[in-house]
Amino acid sequence: MTVKQNAHAVNVVETFKAKLPPETIAQVGENHFDELSLLIESAISAAVFDEMEKAANKVDQLAHDIRHFAEYFDRD
């Protein structure tokens, strides 16, 4: 996990906590908010990984297409 993803997850949890009454925050407890932050960070990382994998697949396909084009470029 990157520092940026961690910071964003913490920010999301803090924004969520700001919408809750103090007694609810006390009932939930910091440990649960920390767990929520980890879950959010994990979700961000999974989404980033999925998008990077899609991009890598596109690059692989482009490399294949360029290789194919180069092999048949001057055969006409």
N, C-alpha and C. Protein backbone atom coordinates (compact mmCIF):
# COMPACT_ATOMS: atom_id res chain seq x y z
N MET A 1 0.83 -1.18 0.00
CA MET A 1 0.00 0.00 0.00
C MET A 1 0.88 1.24 0.00
N THR A 2 0.46 2.20 -0.75
CA THR A 2 1.25 3.42 -0.79
C THR A 2 0.82 4.37 0.33
N VAL A 3 1.69 5.28 0.62
CA VAL A 3 1.39 6.29 1.64
C VAL A 3 0.18 7.11 1.20
N LYS A 4 0.09 7.38 -0.11
CA LYS A 4 -1.02 8.18 -0.64
C LYS A 4 -2.35 7.46 -0.43
N GLN A 5 -2.39 6.15 -0.68
CA GLN A 5 -3.62 5.38 -0.49
C GLN A 5 -3.99 5.33 0.99
N ASN A 6 -2.99 5.16 1.84
CA ASN A 6 -3.23 5.13 3.28
C ASN A 6 -3.80 6.46 3.74
N ALA A 7 -3.20 7.55 3.30
CA ALA A 7 -3.66 8.88 3.70
C ALA A 7 -5.09 9.13 3.22
N HIS A 8 -5.40 8.68 2.01
CA HIS A 8 -6.76 8.86 1.49
C HIS A 8 -7.76 8.05 2.32
N ALA A 9 -7.41 6.82 2.66
CA ALA A 9 -8.29 5.99 3.48
C ALA A 9 -8.54 6.63 4.84
N VAL A 10 -7.49 7.13 5.46
CA VAL A 10 -7.63 7.79 6.76
C VAL A 10 -8.52 9.03 6.63
N ASN A 11 -8.36 9.77 5.55
CA ASN A 11 -9.17 10.96 5.31
C ASN A 11 -10.65 10.59 5.16
N VAL A 12 -10.93 9.50 4.44
CA VAL A 12 -12.31 9.05 4.27
C VAL A 12 -12.92 8.70 5.63
N VAL A 13 -12.18 7.99 6.45
CA VAL A 13 -12.69 7.61 7.78
C VAL A 13 -12.90 8.85 8.65
N GLU A 14 -11.97 9.78 8.60
CA GLU A 14 -12.12 11.01 9.40
C GLU A 14 -13.32 11.82 8.93
N THR A 15 -13.56 11.88 7.64
CA THR A 15 -14.73 12.58 7.11
C THR A 15 -16.01 11.89 7.57
N PHE A 16 -16.01 10.56 7.56
CA PHE A 16 -17.15 9.78 8.03
C PHE A 16 -17.39 10.04 9.52
N LYS A 17 -16.32 10.01 10.30
CA LYS A 17 -16.45 10.25 11.74
C LYS A 17 -17.02 11.63 12.04
N ALA A 18 -16.67 12.61 11.21
CA ALA A 18 -17.14 13.97 11.43
C ALA A 18 -18.66 14.08 11.29
N LYS A 19 -19.27 13.12 10.62
CA LYS A 19 -20.72 13.11 10.44
C LYS A 19 -21.45 12.38 11.56
N LEU A 20 -20.71 11.74 12.45
CA LEU A 20 -21.30 10.96 13.53
C LEU A 20 -21.32 11.75 14.83
N PRO A 21 -22.32 11.49 15.66
CA PRO A 21 -22.31 12.12 16.98
C PRO A 21 -21.19 11.52 17.85
N PRO A 22 -20.67 12.30 18.78
CA PRO A 22 -19.55 11.83 19.62
C PRO A 22 -19.83 10.51 20.34
N GLU A 23 -21.07 10.31 20.78
CA GLU A 23 -21.37 9.07 21.50
C GLU A 23 -21.29 7.85 20.57
N THR A 24 -21.63 8.03 19.31
CA THR A 24 -21.50 6.93 18.34
C THR A 24 -20.03 6.62 18.08
N ILE A 25 -19.22 7.66 17.95
CA ILE A 25 -17.78 7.48 17.75
C ILE A 25 -17.19 6.71 18.93
N ALA A 26 -17.61 7.07 20.13
CA ALA A 26 -17.11 6.39 21.34
C ALA A 26 -17.55 4.94 21.36
N GLN A 27 -18.79 4.68 20.96
CA GLN A 27 -19.30 3.30 20.94
C GLN A 27 -18.55 2.44 19.93
N VAL A 28 -18.31 3.00 18.77
CA VAL A 28 -17.63 2.24 17.71
C VAL A 28 -16.18 1.97 18.13
N GLY A 29 -15.52 2.97 18.62
CA GLY A 29 -14.14 2.82 19.09
C GLY A 29 -13.11 2.97 17.98
N GLU A 30 -11.95 3.43 18.38
CA GLU A 30 -10.87 3.70 17.42
C GLU A 30 -10.39 2.44 16.70
N ASN A 31 -10.40 1.30 17.39
CA ASN A 31 -9.95 0.07 16.73
C ASN A 31 -10.79 -0.26 15.51
N HIS A 32 -12.11 -0.07 15.64
CA HIS A 32 -12.99 -0.35 14.51
C HIS A 32 -12.81 0.68 13.38
N PHE A 33 -12.56 1.91 13.76
CA PHE A 33 -12.29 2.91 12.72
C PHE A 33 -10.96 2.62 12.02
N ASP A 34 -9.98 2.13 12.76
CA ASP A 34 -8.71 1.71 12.15
C ASP A 34 -8.93 0.55 11.18
N GLU A 35 -9.77 -0.40 11.58
CA GLU A 35 -10.10 -1.52 10.69
C GLU A 35 -10.80 -1.03 9.43
N LEU A 36 -11.71 -0.07 9.60
CA LEU A 36 -12.41 0.51 8.45
C LEU A 36 -11.41 1.17 7.50
N SER A 37 -10.45 1.87 8.06
CA SER A 37 -9.42 2.51 7.26
C SER A 37 -8.63 1.48 6.46
N LEU A 38 -8.29 0.36 7.09
CA LEU A 38 -7.57 -0.71 6.38
C LEU A 38 -8.41 -1.32 5.26
N LEU A 39 -9.70 -1.49 5.52
CA LEU A 39 -10.60 -2.01 4.49
C LEU A 39 -10.69 -1.06 3.29
N ILE A 40 -10.79 0.21 3.58
CA ILE A 40 -10.86 1.21 2.51
C ILE A 40 -9.55 1.22 1.72
N GLU A 41 -8.44 1.20 2.43
CA GLU A 41 -7.13 1.18 1.77
C GLU A 41 -6.99 -0.06 0.88
N SER A 42 -7.46 -1.18 1.38
CA SER A 42 -7.41 -2.42 0.61
C SER A 42 -8.28 -2.31 -0.65
N ALA A 43 -9.45 -1.73 -0.52
CA ALA A 43 -10.34 -1.55 -1.67
C ALA A 43 -9.71 -0.63 -2.71
N ILE A 44 -9.07 0.43 -2.26
CA ILE A 44 -8.38 1.34 -3.18
C ILE A 44 -7.28 0.59 -3.92
N SER A 45 -6.48 -0.16 -3.17
CA SER A 45 -5.38 -0.91 -3.78
C SER A 45 -5.88 -1.93 -4.80
N ALA A 46 -6.96 -2.62 -4.47
CA ALA A 46 -7.52 -3.61 -5.39
C ALA A 46 -8.00 -2.94 -6.67
N ALA A 47 -8.65 -1.80 -6.54
CA ALA A 47 -9.13 -1.08 -7.72
C ALA A 47 -7.97 -0.59 -8.58
N VAL A 48 -6.93 -0.08 -7.94
CA VAL A 48 -5.75 0.39 -8.68
C VAL A 48 -5.09 -0.79 -9.40
N PHE A 49 -4.95 -1.92 -8.70
CA PHE A 49 -4.34 -3.10 -9.30
C PHE A 49 -5.14 -3.57 -10.51
N ASP A 50 -6.46 -3.60 -10.39
CA ASP A 50 -7.30 -4.01 -11.52
C ASP A 50 -7.09 -3.11 -12.73
N GLU A 51 -7.05 -1.80 -12.50
CA GLU A 51 -6.86 -0.86 -13.60
C GLU A 51 -5.47 -0.98 -14.21
N MET A 52 -4.46 -1.21 -13.37
CA MET A 52 -3.10 -1.38 -13.89
C MET A 52 -3.00 -2.65 -14.72
N GLU A 53 -3.70 -3.70 -14.29
CA GLU A 53 -3.70 -4.94 -15.05
C GLU A 53 -4.38 -4.75 -16.41
N LYS A 54 -5.48 -4.00 -16.44
CA LYS A 54 -6.14 -3.70 -17.71
C LYS A 54 -5.19 -2.92 -18.63
N ALA A 55 -4.49 -1.95 -18.08
CA ALA A 55 -3.54 -1.16 -18.87
C ALA A 55 -2.41 -2.05 -19.39
N ALA A 56 -1.91 -2.95 -18.55
CA ALA A 56 -0.84 -3.85 -18.98
C ALA A 56 -1.32 -4.77 -20.10
N ASN A 57 -2.56 -5.23 -20.01
CA ASN A 57 -3.11 -6.06 -21.08
C ASN A 57 -3.22 -5.28 -22.39
N LYS A 58 -3.59 -4.02 -22.31
CA LYS A 58 -3.66 -3.19 -23.51
C LYS A 58 -2.27 -3.00 -24.12
N VAL A 59 -1.26 -2.79 -23.28
CA VAL A 59 0.11 -2.64 -23.76
C VAL A 59 0.58 -3.93 -24.42
N ASP A 60 0.27 -5.07 -23.81
CA ASP A 60 0.63 -6.37 -24.42
C ASP A 60 -0.02 -6.51 -25.79
N GLN A 61 -1.29 -6.18 -25.89
CA GLN A 61 -1.99 -6.30 -27.17
C GLN A 61 -1.39 -5.35 -28.20
N LEU A 62 -1.08 -4.14 -27.79
CA LEU A 62 -0.47 -3.17 -28.70
C LEU A 62 0.88 -3.67 -29.19
N ALA A 63 1.69 -4.23 -28.29
CA ALA A 63 3.00 -4.78 -28.69
C ALA A 63 2.81 -5.91 -29.70
N HIS A 64 1.83 -6.76 -29.46
CA HIS A 64 1.53 -7.85 -30.40
C HIS A 64 1.12 -7.28 -31.76
N ASP A 65 0.25 -6.29 -31.76
CA ASP A 65 -0.21 -5.68 -33.01
C ASP A 65 0.94 -5.02 -33.77
N ILE A 66 1.82 -4.34 -33.06
CA ILE A 66 2.97 -3.70 -33.71
C ILE A 66 3.90 -4.74 -34.29
N ARG A 67 4.16 -5.81 -33.54
CA ARG A 67 5.00 -6.90 -34.03
C ARG A 67 4.42 -7.51 -35.29
N HIS A 68 3.12 -7.75 -35.28
CA HIS A 68 2.43 -8.32 -36.43
C HIS A 68 2.52 -7.37 -37.62
N PHE A 69 2.28 -6.09 -37.39
CA PHE A 69 2.37 -5.10 -38.46
C PHE A 69 3.78 -5.05 -39.04
N ALA A 70 4.80 -5.10 -38.17
CA ALA A 70 6.19 -5.04 -38.64
C ALA A 70 6.54 -6.26 -39.48
N GLU A 71 6.00 -7.41 -39.12
CA GLU A 71 6.30 -8.64 -39.88
C GLU A 71 5.70 -8.61 -41.27
N TYR A 72 4.56 -7.98 -41.42
CA TYR A 72 3.86 -7.99 -42.71
C TYR A 72 3.86 -6.64 -43.41
N PHE A 73 4.66 -5.71 -42.91
CA PHE A 73 4.65 -4.33 -43.41
C PHE A 73 4.98 -4.23 -44.90
N ASP A 74 6.04 -4.87 -45.33
CA ASP A 74 6.52 -4.66 -46.70
C ASP A 74 6.32 -5.89 -47.56
N ARG A 75 5.20 -6.56 -47.38
CA ARG A 75 4.95 -7.79 -48.14
C ARG A 75 3.98 -7.58 -49.28
N ASP A 76 3.54 -6.40 -49.52
CA ASP A 76 2.59 -6.17 -50.60
C ASP A 76 3.22 -6.13 -51.94
